[in-house]
């Protein structure tokens, strides 16, 4: 008997009211098939009619459904996106990465701020490596399963950008080392410009 069914049984006892409560001990089989002996369960015996069975089944179904929802909620992945083409992608990237300007330069060097192929309209794939996709050119071969498990849909602008932030937070700019000669110079120049501007104030 699983924990959900034990809970449902207790719910049923509570629903139909006690006649004479008693405590019994029994062996309970857990989900991993291990046995827990001397498991004390306090129940209230009731007379169960055919009509009552509907309530019992409903309680068990509700318990199972709640457990299923609880177990799957954390892995729900949103595939909705506000983008159907590249319009607004650059603005979105700049706004999202306002505190991480290096990622803005990486997006410019990797995809010129494009999530979609301008000719076919499909998801943008890299020229040097066709497994690199989207505005941040996330490599599907190495990252797709990890992204999905973490709840990111890298086929969308939002998911691609968000997962890139996760990669940067955990690995730095290493995933985009192939384009470093482009974004490192741009980033260095932008930092120099900012320093000069601050010094002149």
N, C-alpha and C. Protein backbone atom coordinates (compact mmCIF):
# COMPACT_ATOMS: atom_id res chain seq x y z
N UNK A 1 0.86 -1.21 0.00
CA UNK A 1 0.00 0.00 0.00
C UNK A 1 0.88 1.24 0.00
N UNK A 2 0.60 2.17 -0.87
CA UNK A 2 1.40 3.38 -0.95
C UNK A 2 0.91 4.40 0.05
N UNK A 3 1.74 5.42 0.26
CA UNK A 3 1.38 6.48 1.18
C UNK A 3 0.09 7.16 0.75
N UNK A 4 -0.09 7.34 -0.60
CA UNK A 4 -1.30 8.00 -1.11
C UNK A 4 -2.55 7.23 -0.75
N UNK A 5 -2.48 5.87 -0.85
CA UNK A 5 -3.64 5.07 -0.55
C UNK A 5 -3.94 5.06 0.95
N UNK A 6 -2.88 5.04 1.78
CA UNK A 6 -3.07 5.11 3.23
C UNK A 6 -3.79 6.41 3.58
N UNK A 7 -3.31 7.52 2.95
CA UNK A 7 -3.92 8.82 3.19
C UNK A 7 -5.38 8.82 2.78
N UNK A 8 -5.66 8.21 1.62
CA UNK A 8 -7.03 8.15 1.13
C UNK A 8 -7.91 7.35 2.08
N UNK A 9 -7.39 6.23 2.61
CA UNK A 9 -8.16 5.40 3.52
C UNK A 9 -8.51 6.16 4.79
N UNK A 10 -7.54 6.92 5.29
CA UNK A 10 -7.79 7.72 6.48
C UNK A 10 -8.81 8.81 6.20
N UNK A 11 -8.74 9.38 4.97
CA UNK A 11 -9.71 10.39 4.58
C UNK A 11 -11.12 9.80 4.59
N UNK A 12 -11.26 8.56 4.09
CA UNK A 12 -12.56 7.92 4.02
C UNK A 12 -13.10 7.68 5.43
N UNK A 13 -12.22 7.21 6.35
CA UNK A 13 -12.64 6.98 7.73
C UNK A 13 -13.17 8.26 8.34
N UNK A 14 -12.49 9.36 8.03
CA UNK A 14 -12.90 10.65 8.57
C UNK A 14 -14.23 11.10 7.97
N UNK A 15 -14.42 10.81 6.67
CA UNK A 15 -15.62 11.24 5.97
C UNK A 15 -16.88 10.57 6.53
N UNK A 16 -16.79 9.28 6.83
CA UNK A 16 -17.97 8.54 7.22
C UNK A 16 -18.15 8.42 8.72
N UNK A 17 -17.23 8.96 9.50
CA UNK A 17 -17.40 9.03 10.94
C UNK A 17 -17.04 7.73 11.65
N UNK A 18 -16.49 7.86 12.86
CA UNK A 18 -16.04 6.67 13.59
C UNK A 18 -17.20 5.94 14.26
N UNK A 19 -17.02 4.62 14.38
CA UNK A 19 -17.95 3.84 15.20
C UNK A 19 -17.21 3.30 16.41
N UNK A 20 -15.98 2.81 16.17
CA UNK A 20 -15.15 2.37 17.30
C UNK A 20 -13.72 2.38 16.82
N UNK A 21 -12.94 3.35 17.25
CA UNK A 21 -11.57 3.50 16.77
C UNK A 21 -10.70 2.41 17.36
N UNK A 22 -9.76 1.93 16.56
CA UNK A 22 -8.78 0.98 17.08
C UNK A 22 -7.48 1.17 16.32
N UNK A 23 -6.38 0.71 16.93
CA UNK A 23 -5.06 0.81 16.31
C UNK A 23 -4.55 -0.58 15.99
N UNK A 24 -4.10 -0.76 14.78
CA UNK A 24 -3.54 -2.05 14.39
C UNK A 24 -2.15 -1.83 13.82
N UNK A 25 -1.36 -2.89 13.85
CA UNK A 25 -0.03 -2.80 13.26
C UNK A 25 0.03 -3.72 12.06
N UNK A 26 0.74 -3.28 11.02
CA UNK A 26 0.82 -4.09 9.82
C UNK A 26 2.11 -3.80 9.09
N UNK A 27 2.40 -4.63 8.12
CA UNK A 27 3.58 -4.40 7.28
C UNK A 27 3.13 -3.60 6.07
N UNK A 28 3.88 -2.56 5.73
CA UNK A 28 3.52 -1.69 4.62
C UNK A 28 4.59 -1.77 3.55
N UNK A 29 4.18 -1.99 2.31
CA UNK A 29 5.12 -2.02 1.19
C UNK A 29 5.25 -0.62 0.62
N UNK A 30 6.48 -0.13 0.54
CA UNK A 30 6.73 1.21 -0.01
C UNK A 30 6.92 1.12 -1.51
N UNK A 31 7.07 2.31 -2.15
CA UNK A 31 7.19 2.37 -3.61
C UNK A 31 8.41 1.61 -4.12
N UNK A 32 9.47 1.55 -3.30
CA UNK A 32 10.69 0.86 -3.74
C UNK A 32 10.67 -0.62 -3.37
N UNK A 33 9.47 -1.14 -3.00
CA UNK A 33 9.24 -2.54 -2.66
C UNK A 33 9.87 -2.96 -1.33
N UNK A 34 10.38 -2.01 -0.55
CA UNK A 34 10.88 -2.35 0.77
C UNK A 34 9.71 -2.46 1.73
N UNK A 35 9.91 -3.18 2.81
CA UNK A 35 8.83 -3.43 3.76
C UNK A 35 9.12 -2.72 5.08
N UNK A 36 8.13 -2.03 5.58
CA UNK A 36 8.23 -1.42 6.90
C UNK A 36 7.27 -2.17 7.80
N UNK A 37 7.79 -2.86 8.83
CA UNK A 37 6.95 -3.65 9.72
C UNK A 37 6.48 -2.82 10.90
N UNK A 38 5.47 -3.33 11.57
CA UNK A 38 4.92 -2.70 12.77
C UNK A 38 4.53 -1.26 12.52
N UNK A 39 3.91 -1.02 11.39
CA UNK A 39 3.45 0.32 11.04
C UNK A 39 2.08 0.52 11.68
N UNK A 40 2.02 1.43 12.63
CA UNK A 40 0.77 1.63 13.36
C UNK A 40 -0.17 2.52 12.58
N UNK A 41 -1.39 2.04 12.39
CA UNK A 41 -2.40 2.81 11.68
C UNK A 41 -3.65 2.86 12.53
N UNK A 42 -4.09 4.06 12.88
CA UNK A 42 -5.32 4.21 13.64
C UNK A 42 -6.47 4.42 12.67
N UNK A 43 -7.45 3.55 12.73
CA UNK A 43 -8.57 3.63 11.81
C UNK A 43 -9.88 3.64 12.58
N UNK A 44 -10.92 4.00 11.90
CA UNK A 44 -12.26 3.97 12.47
C UNK A 44 -13.11 3.07 11.60
N UNK A 45 -13.45 1.88 12.05
CA UNK A 45 -14.21 0.95 11.22
C UNK A 45 -15.57 1.51 10.85
N UNK A 46 -15.97 1.32 9.61
CA UNK A 46 -17.26 1.78 9.13
C UNK A 46 -17.90 0.69 8.30
N UNK A 47 -19.19 0.79 8.13
CA UNK A 47 -19.89 -0.13 7.24
C UNK A 47 -19.91 0.49 5.86
N UNK A 48 -19.33 -0.19 4.89
CA UNK A 48 -19.19 0.36 3.54
C UNK A 48 -20.23 -0.26 2.62
N UNK A 49 -21.05 0.56 2.04
CA UNK A 49 -22.07 0.11 1.09
C UNK A 49 -21.59 0.37 -0.32
N UNK A 50 -22.36 -0.09 -1.28
CA UNK A 50 -22.00 0.15 -2.68
C UNK A 50 -21.93 1.63 -2.99
N UNK A 51 -22.79 2.41 -2.37
CA UNK A 51 -22.80 3.85 -2.59
C UNK A 51 -21.55 4.49 -2.02
N UNK A 52 -21.09 3.92 -0.88
CA UNK A 52 -19.88 4.47 -0.26
C UNK A 52 -18.65 4.27 -1.13
N UNK A 53 -18.63 3.22 -1.95
CA UNK A 53 -17.45 2.94 -2.77
C UNK A 53 -17.12 4.08 -3.71
N UNK A 54 -18.14 4.80 -4.14
CA UNK A 54 -17.90 5.95 -5.03
C UNK A 54 -17.06 6.99 -4.31
N UNK A 55 -17.36 7.20 -3.02
CA UNK A 55 -16.58 8.16 -2.24
C UNK A 55 -15.16 7.69 -2.02
N UNK A 56 -15.01 6.37 -1.80
CA UNK A 56 -13.67 5.81 -1.60
C UNK A 56 -12.84 5.98 -2.86
N UNK A 57 -13.42 5.60 -4.00
CA UNK A 57 -12.68 5.73 -5.26
C UNK A 57 -12.34 7.18 -5.56
N UNK A 58 -13.25 8.08 -5.25
CA UNK A 58 -13.00 9.50 -5.50
C UNK A 58 -11.85 9.99 -4.64
N UNK A 59 -11.80 9.53 -3.37
CA UNK A 59 -10.73 9.95 -2.46
C UNK A 59 -9.39 9.44 -2.95
N UNK A 60 -9.36 8.18 -3.40
CA UNK A 60 -8.11 7.60 -3.90
C UNK A 60 -7.67 8.30 -5.18
N UNK A 61 -8.62 8.54 -6.11
CA UNK A 61 -8.29 9.23 -7.35
C UNK A 61 -7.77 10.64 -7.09
N UNK A 62 -8.39 11.34 -6.14
CA UNK A 62 -7.96 12.71 -5.81
C UNK A 62 -6.56 12.70 -5.25
N UNK A 63 -6.28 11.70 -4.39
CA UNK A 63 -4.94 11.59 -3.79
C UNK A 63 -3.90 11.32 -4.85
N UNK A 64 -4.20 10.38 -5.77
CA UNK A 64 -3.25 10.04 -6.83
C UNK A 64 -3.03 11.21 -7.77
N UNK A 65 -4.12 11.92 -8.13
CA UNK A 65 -4.00 13.06 -9.04
C UNK A 65 -3.18 14.17 -8.42
N UNK A 66 -3.39 14.45 -7.13
CA UNK A 66 -2.62 15.50 -6.45
C UNK A 66 -1.15 15.17 -6.44
N UNK A 67 -0.83 13.88 -6.19
CA UNK A 67 0.57 13.47 -6.16
C UNK A 67 1.20 13.62 -7.54
N UNK A 68 0.43 13.26 -8.59
CA UNK A 68 0.94 13.37 -9.95
C UNK A 68 1.24 14.82 -10.31
N UNK A 69 0.32 15.72 -9.97
CA UNK A 69 0.52 17.14 -10.26
C UNK A 69 1.74 17.67 -9.50
N UNK A 70 1.87 17.27 -8.24
CA UNK A 70 3.00 17.74 -7.43
C UNK A 70 4.33 17.26 -7.99
N UNK A 71 4.34 16.03 -8.54
CA UNK A 71 5.58 15.47 -9.05
C UNK A 71 5.98 16.04 -10.40
N UNK A 72 5.00 16.54 -11.16
CA UNK A 72 5.32 17.02 -12.51
C UNK A 72 5.38 18.53 -12.62
N UNK A 73 4.90 19.25 -11.62
CA UNK A 73 4.82 20.71 -11.70
C UNK A 73 6.18 21.34 -11.90
N UNK A 74 7.21 20.79 -11.25
CA UNK A 74 8.54 21.40 -11.29
C UNK A 74 9.21 21.24 -12.65
N UNK A 75 8.71 20.32 -13.50
CA UNK A 75 9.35 20.11 -14.79
C UNK A 75 8.52 20.68 -15.95
N UNK A 76 7.50 21.45 -15.63
CA UNK A 76 6.68 22.05 -16.67
C UNK A 76 7.51 23.09 -17.44
N UNK A 77 7.48 23.00 -18.76
CA UNK A 77 8.27 23.89 -19.60
C UNK A 77 7.32 24.76 -20.43
N UNK A 78 7.49 26.06 -20.35
CA UNK A 78 6.66 26.96 -21.14
C UNK A 78 7.24 27.08 -22.55
N UNK A 79 6.39 26.85 -23.55
CA UNK A 79 6.83 26.97 -24.94
C UNK A 79 6.23 28.20 -25.61
N UNK A 80 5.56 29.05 -24.81
CA UNK A 80 4.98 30.25 -25.37
C UNK A 80 6.06 31.31 -25.59
N UNK A 81 5.86 32.14 -26.59
CA UNK A 81 6.83 33.19 -26.89
C UNK A 81 6.11 34.39 -27.49
N UNK A 82 6.65 35.56 -27.24
CA UNK A 82 6.06 36.77 -27.81
C UNK A 82 6.64 37.07 -29.19
N UNK A 83 7.59 36.24 -29.64
CA UNK A 83 8.27 36.51 -30.91
C UNK A 83 7.89 35.48 -31.98
N UNK A 84 7.55 35.99 -33.16
CA UNK A 84 7.30 35.12 -34.31
C UNK A 84 8.35 35.34 -35.40
N UNK A 85 9.12 36.42 -35.25
CA UNK A 85 10.24 36.68 -36.14
C UNK A 85 11.30 37.44 -35.33
N UNK A 86 12.27 38.02 -36.00
CA UNK A 86 13.37 38.67 -35.28
C UNK A 86 13.07 40.10 -34.81
N UNK A 87 11.87 40.59 -35.12
CA UNK A 87 11.50 41.93 -34.68
C UNK A 87 11.48 42.01 -33.15
N UNK A 88 12.25 42.93 -32.62
CA UNK A 88 12.26 43.13 -31.18
C UNK A 88 13.22 42.25 -30.41
N UNK A 89 13.88 41.32 -31.10
CA UNK A 89 14.80 40.41 -30.39
C UNK A 89 16.00 41.17 -29.82
N UNK A 90 16.58 42.07 -30.59
CA UNK A 90 17.73 42.82 -30.11
C UNK A 90 17.37 43.65 -28.87
N UNK A 91 16.23 44.31 -28.91
CA UNK A 91 15.79 45.11 -27.77
C UNK A 91 15.58 44.23 -26.54
N UNK A 92 15.02 43.05 -26.76
CA UNK A 92 14.77 42.12 -25.65
C UNK A 92 16.09 41.65 -25.03
N UNK A 93 17.04 41.32 -25.88
CA UNK A 93 18.36 40.87 -25.40
C UNK A 93 19.04 41.98 -24.60
N UNK A 94 19.02 43.19 -25.12
CA UNK A 94 19.69 44.30 -24.44
C UNK A 94 19.03 44.62 -23.09
N UNK A 95 17.71 44.53 -23.07
CA UNK A 95 16.99 44.79 -21.81
C UNK A 95 17.27 43.69 -20.79
N UNK A 96 17.22 42.44 -21.23
CA UNK A 96 17.42 41.31 -20.33
C UNK A 96 18.84 41.27 -19.78
N UNK A 97 19.80 41.59 -20.61
CA UNK A 97 21.21 41.54 -20.21
C UNK A 97 21.79 42.91 -19.84
N UNK A 98 20.94 43.79 -19.41
CA UNK A 98 21.40 45.15 -19.08
C UNK A 98 22.52 45.14 -18.04
N UNK A 99 22.49 44.16 -17.14
CA UNK A 99 23.53 44.07 -16.11
C UNK A 99 24.65 43.12 -16.48
N UNK A 100 24.56 42.51 -17.66
CA UNK A 100 25.60 41.60 -18.15
C UNK A 100 25.92 41.97 -19.60
N UNK A 101 26.54 43.13 -19.84
CA UNK A 101 26.77 43.60 -21.21
C UNK A 101 27.59 42.65 -22.08
N UNK A 102 28.38 41.80 -21.46
CA UNK A 102 29.17 40.85 -22.25
C UNK A 102 28.25 39.90 -23.02
N UNK A 103 27.10 39.58 -22.43
CA UNK A 103 26.16 38.69 -23.11
C UNK A 103 25.49 39.38 -24.29
N UNK A 104 25.37 40.68 -24.22
CA UNK A 104 24.85 41.44 -25.36
C UNK A 104 25.82 41.35 -26.53
N UNK A 105 27.11 41.50 -26.21
CA UNK A 105 28.13 41.41 -27.26
C UNK A 105 28.21 39.98 -27.81
N UNK A 106 28.03 38.99 -26.96
CA UNK A 106 28.04 37.61 -27.42
C UNK A 106 26.88 37.36 -28.38
N UNK A 107 25.69 37.89 -28.05
CA UNK A 107 24.53 37.73 -28.93
C UNK A 107 24.77 38.39 -30.28
N UNK A 108 25.38 39.56 -30.25
CA UNK A 108 25.67 40.26 -31.51
C UNK A 108 26.64 39.47 -32.36
N UNK A 109 27.69 38.93 -31.75
CA UNK A 109 28.71 38.19 -32.51
C UNK A 109 28.20 36.83 -32.97
N UNK A 110 27.41 36.17 -32.14
CA UNK A 110 26.95 34.82 -32.45
C UNK A 110 25.83 34.79 -33.49
N UNK A 111 24.89 35.72 -33.40
CA UNK A 111 23.71 35.62 -34.26
C UNK A 111 23.26 36.94 -34.88
N UNK A 112 23.98 38.01 -34.59
CA UNK A 112 23.53 39.38 -34.93
C UNK A 112 22.09 39.59 -34.45
N UNK A 113 21.82 39.13 -33.24
CA UNK A 113 20.52 39.28 -32.57
C UNK A 113 19.36 38.62 -33.31
N UNK A 114 19.63 37.48 -33.93
CA UNK A 114 18.57 36.77 -34.64
C UNK A 114 18.26 35.44 -33.96
N UNK A 115 17.00 35.15 -33.77
CA UNK A 115 16.55 33.84 -33.29
C UNK A 115 16.13 32.96 -34.46
N UNK A 116 15.70 33.62 -35.53
CA UNK A 116 15.17 32.89 -36.68
C UNK A 116 15.96 33.18 -37.96
N UNK A 117 16.00 32.20 -38.83
CA UNK A 117 16.64 32.36 -40.13
C UNK A 117 15.80 33.34 -40.94
N UNK A 118 16.42 34.38 -41.46
CA UNK A 118 15.68 35.42 -42.17
C UNK A 118 15.11 34.94 -43.50
N UNK A 119 15.63 33.83 -44.03
CA UNK A 119 15.13 33.31 -45.31
C UNK A 119 14.02 32.29 -45.09
N UNK A 120 14.27 31.32 -44.23
CA UNK A 120 13.30 30.24 -44.03
C UNK A 120 12.29 30.52 -42.92
N UNK A 121 12.67 31.40 -41.98
CA UNK A 121 11.79 31.69 -40.85
C UNK A 121 11.88 30.65 -39.74
N UNK A 122 12.65 29.59 -39.96
CA UNK A 122 12.81 28.55 -38.95
C UNK A 122 13.89 28.97 -37.95
N UNK A 123 14.07 28.17 -36.92
CA UNK A 123 15.06 28.49 -35.90
C UNK A 123 16.45 28.63 -36.54
N UNK A 124 17.20 29.63 -36.10
CA UNK A 124 18.52 29.89 -36.67
C UNK A 124 19.53 28.85 -36.22
N UNK A 125 20.25 28.25 -37.18
CA UNK A 125 21.32 27.29 -36.88
C UNK A 125 22.66 27.91 -37.27
N UNK A 126 23.67 27.56 -36.52
CA UNK A 126 25.00 28.11 -36.77
C UNK A 126 25.59 27.66 -38.09
N UNK A 127 26.46 28.49 -38.65
CA UNK A 127 27.14 28.13 -39.90
C UNK A 127 28.29 27.18 -39.64
N UNK A 128 29.07 27.44 -38.60
CA UNK A 128 30.21 26.58 -38.28
C UNK A 128 29.76 25.28 -37.63
N UNK A 129 28.69 25.34 -36.84
CA UNK A 129 28.16 24.17 -36.16
C UNK A 129 26.64 24.24 -36.19
N UNK A 130 26.03 23.36 -36.97
CA UNK A 130 24.57 23.38 -37.14
C UNK A 130 23.82 23.05 -35.86
N UNK A 131 24.53 22.53 -34.85
CA UNK A 131 23.88 22.22 -33.57
C UNK A 131 23.69 23.47 -32.71
N UNK A 132 24.34 24.58 -33.08
CA UNK A 132 24.17 25.84 -32.35
C UNK A 132 22.87 26.49 -32.84
N UNK A 133 21.98 26.84 -31.89
CA UNK A 133 20.70 27.40 -32.32
C UNK A 133 20.33 28.67 -31.57
N UNK A 134 19.54 29.49 -32.27
CA UNK A 134 18.95 30.67 -31.64
C UNK A 134 19.87 31.85 -31.47
N UNK A 135 19.33 32.86 -30.82
CA UNK A 135 20.03 34.13 -30.67
C UNK A 135 21.34 34.00 -29.90
N UNK A 136 21.39 33.07 -28.94
CA UNK A 136 22.62 32.88 -28.17
C UNK A 136 23.41 31.66 -28.64
N UNK A 137 22.93 31.04 -29.75
CA UNK A 137 23.63 29.91 -30.35
C UNK A 137 23.98 28.82 -29.33
N UNK A 138 22.94 28.36 -28.62
CA UNK A 138 23.09 27.29 -27.64
C UNK A 138 23.29 25.97 -28.40
N UNK A 139 24.27 25.20 -28.02
CA UNK A 139 24.57 23.95 -28.72
C UNK A 139 23.62 22.84 -28.28
N UNK A 140 22.76 22.40 -29.21
CA UNK A 140 21.77 21.37 -28.90
C UNK A 140 22.42 20.04 -28.50
N UNK A 141 23.49 19.69 -29.13
CA UNK A 141 24.12 18.40 -28.88
C UNK A 141 24.51 18.25 -27.41
N UNK A 142 25.03 19.32 -26.83
CA UNK A 142 25.50 19.24 -25.44
C UNK A 142 24.52 19.82 -24.43
N UNK A 143 23.64 20.70 -24.88
CA UNK A 143 22.83 21.45 -23.92
C UNK A 143 21.33 21.21 -23.97
N UNK A 144 20.80 20.62 -25.03
CA UNK A 144 19.34 20.51 -25.17
C UNK A 144 18.69 19.78 -24.00
N UNK A 145 19.18 18.58 -23.69
CA UNK A 145 18.59 17.80 -22.60
C UNK A 145 18.72 18.52 -21.26
N UNK A 146 19.88 19.14 -21.04
CA UNK A 146 20.10 19.87 -19.79
C UNK A 146 19.13 21.05 -19.68
N UNK A 147 18.94 21.73 -20.80
CA UNK A 147 18.03 22.88 -20.80
C UNK A 147 16.60 22.44 -20.51
N UNK A 148 16.16 21.37 -21.17
CA UNK A 148 14.80 20.88 -20.96
C UNK A 148 14.59 20.42 -19.52
N UNK A 149 15.58 19.73 -18.98
CA UNK A 149 15.48 19.26 -17.60
C UNK A 149 15.41 20.42 -16.61
N UNK A 150 16.03 21.54 -16.99
CA UNK A 150 16.02 22.72 -16.13
C UNK A 150 14.80 23.60 -16.38
N UNK A 151 13.99 23.24 -17.39
CA UNK A 151 12.76 23.98 -17.66
C UNK A 151 12.87 25.06 -18.71
N UNK A 152 13.91 25.01 -19.57
CA UNK A 152 14.10 26.04 -20.59
C UNK A 152 13.82 25.46 -21.98
N UNK A 153 13.04 26.17 -22.77
CA UNK A 153 12.81 25.81 -24.17
C UNK A 153 13.68 26.72 -25.02
N UNK A 154 14.83 26.23 -25.44
CA UNK A 154 15.78 27.07 -26.17
C UNK A 154 15.36 27.36 -27.60
N UNK A 155 14.24 26.79 -28.04
CA UNK A 155 13.70 27.14 -29.36
C UNK A 155 12.98 28.49 -29.33
N UNK A 156 12.68 28.97 -28.12
CA UNK A 156 12.05 30.29 -27.99
C UNK A 156 13.12 31.32 -27.63
N UNK A 157 12.86 32.57 -27.95
CA UNK A 157 13.80 33.64 -27.61
C UNK A 157 13.99 33.69 -26.10
N UNK A 158 12.86 33.64 -25.38
CA UNK A 158 12.92 33.76 -23.92
C UNK A 158 13.73 32.62 -23.30
N UNK A 159 13.48 31.40 -23.76
CA UNK A 159 14.19 30.25 -23.22
C UNK A 159 15.66 30.25 -23.60
N UNK A 160 15.97 30.64 -24.83
CA UNK A 160 17.34 30.70 -25.31
C UNK A 160 18.15 31.71 -24.51
N UNK A 161 17.57 32.89 -24.31
CA UNK A 161 18.23 33.96 -23.57
C UNK A 161 18.40 33.58 -22.09
N UNK A 162 17.36 33.01 -21.51
CA UNK A 162 17.40 32.64 -20.09
C UNK A 162 18.41 31.53 -19.84
N UNK A 163 18.46 30.54 -20.73
CA UNK A 163 19.41 29.45 -20.53
C UNK A 163 20.85 29.92 -20.74
N UNK A 164 21.03 30.86 -21.64
CA UNK A 164 22.36 31.45 -21.83
C UNK A 164 22.82 32.15 -20.56
N UNK A 165 21.90 32.82 -19.88
CA UNK A 165 22.24 33.46 -18.60
C UNK A 165 22.65 32.40 -17.58
N UNK A 166 21.94 31.29 -17.57
CA UNK A 166 22.28 30.19 -16.66
C UNK A 166 23.68 29.65 -16.98
N UNK A 167 23.97 29.47 -18.26
CA UNK A 167 25.30 28.98 -18.65
C UNK A 167 26.38 29.96 -18.22
N UNK A 168 26.12 31.25 -18.43
CA UNK A 168 27.11 32.26 -18.06
C UNK A 168 27.32 32.29 -16.55
N UNK A 169 26.24 32.14 -15.80
CA UNK A 169 26.34 32.16 -14.34
C UNK A 169 27.13 30.97 -13.81
N UNK A 170 27.06 29.84 -14.51
CA UNK A 170 27.72 28.63 -14.04
C UNK A 170 29.06 28.35 -14.71
N UNK A 171 29.24 28.86 -15.95
CA UNK A 171 30.47 28.53 -16.70
C UNK A 171 31.21 29.75 -17.23
N UNK A 172 30.68 30.93 -16.99
CA UNK A 172 31.30 32.11 -17.57
C UNK A 172 31.05 32.14 -19.06
N UNK A 173 31.96 32.74 -19.82
CA UNK A 173 31.79 32.87 -21.27
C UNK A 173 32.36 31.69 -22.04
N UNK A 174 32.79 30.65 -21.34
CA UNK A 174 33.42 29.49 -21.99
C UNK A 174 32.58 28.87 -23.10
N UNK A 175 31.25 28.75 -22.97
CA UNK A 175 30.47 28.13 -24.05
C UNK A 175 30.53 28.88 -25.38
N UNK A 176 30.97 30.13 -25.35
CA UNK A 176 31.04 30.93 -26.58
C UNK A 176 32.50 31.27 -26.94
N UNK A 177 33.41 30.42 -26.52
CA UNK A 177 34.84 30.67 -26.74
C UNK A 177 35.18 30.77 -28.22
N UNK A 178 34.44 30.04 -29.06
CA UNK A 178 34.73 30.05 -30.50
C UNK A 178 34.60 31.44 -31.11
N UNK A 179 33.75 32.28 -30.53
CA UNK A 179 33.58 33.64 -31.07
C UNK A 179 34.24 34.69 -30.18
N UNK A 180 35.12 34.27 -29.32
CA UNK A 180 35.74 35.18 -28.36
C UNK A 180 36.48 36.34 -29.02
N UNK A 181 37.10 36.07 -30.15
CA UNK A 181 37.86 37.13 -30.83
C UNK A 181 36.95 38.29 -31.22
N UNK A 182 35.67 38.02 -31.38
CA UNK A 182 34.69 39.06 -31.72
C UNK A 182 34.18 39.76 -30.48
N UNK A 183 33.59 39.00 -29.55
CA UNK A 183 32.94 39.65 -28.41
C UNK A 183 33.89 40.17 -27.35
N UNK A 184 35.07 39.58 -27.23
CA UNK A 184 36.00 40.06 -26.20
C UNK A 184 36.49 41.47 -26.52
N UNK A 185 36.74 41.72 -27.79
CA UNK A 185 37.18 43.05 -28.21
C UNK A 185 36.05 44.06 -28.02
N UNK A 186 34.86 43.69 -28.45
CA UNK A 186 33.71 44.58 -28.32
C UNK A 186 33.43 44.88 -26.85
N UNK A 187 33.52 43.85 -26.02
CA UNK A 187 33.25 44.04 -24.60
C UNK A 187 34.31 44.93 -23.97
N UNK A 188 35.57 44.71 -24.33
CA UNK A 188 36.67 45.53 -23.80
C UNK A 188 36.50 46.99 -24.21
N UNK A 189 36.10 47.20 -25.47
CA UNK A 189 35.91 48.57 -25.95
C UNK A 189 34.75 49.26 -25.23
N UNK A 190 33.68 48.49 -24.98
CA UNK A 190 32.52 49.08 -24.30
C UNK A 190 32.88 49.45 -22.86
N UNK A 191 33.69 48.61 -22.22
CA UNK A 191 34.10 48.89 -20.85
C UNK A 191 35.01 50.11 -20.78
N UNK A 192 35.88 50.24 -21.80
CA UNK A 192 36.77 51.40 -21.87
C UNK A 192 35.97 52.68 -22.07
N UNK A 193 34.97 52.60 -22.95
CA UNK A 193 34.12 53.76 -23.21
C UNK A 193 33.36 54.18 -21.96
N UNK A 194 32.87 53.20 -21.21
CA UNK A 194 32.16 53.49 -19.98
C UNK A 194 33.08 54.13 -18.94
N UNK A 195 34.31 53.64 -18.87
CA UNK A 195 35.27 54.20 -17.92
C UNK A 195 35.61 55.65 -18.25
N UNK A 196 35.77 55.92 -19.53
CA UNK A 196 36.08 57.27 -19.98
C UNK A 196 34.91 58.22 -19.66
N UNK A 197 33.70 57.72 -19.94
CA UNK A 197 32.51 58.53 -19.69
C UNK A 197 32.38 58.84 -18.21
N UNK A 198 32.65 57.89 -17.34
CA UNK A 198 32.56 58.11 -15.91
C UNK A 198 33.63 59.09 -15.43
N UNK A 199 34.82 58.97 -16.04
CA UNK A 199 35.93 59.86 -15.66
C UNK A 199 35.67 61.31 -16.06
N UNK A 200 34.92 61.48 -17.13
CA UNK A 200 34.65 62.83 -17.61
C UNK A 200 33.52 63.52 -16.86
N UNK A 201 32.78 62.76 -16.05
CA UNK A 201 31.68 63.37 -15.29
C UNK A 201 32.20 64.18 -14.12
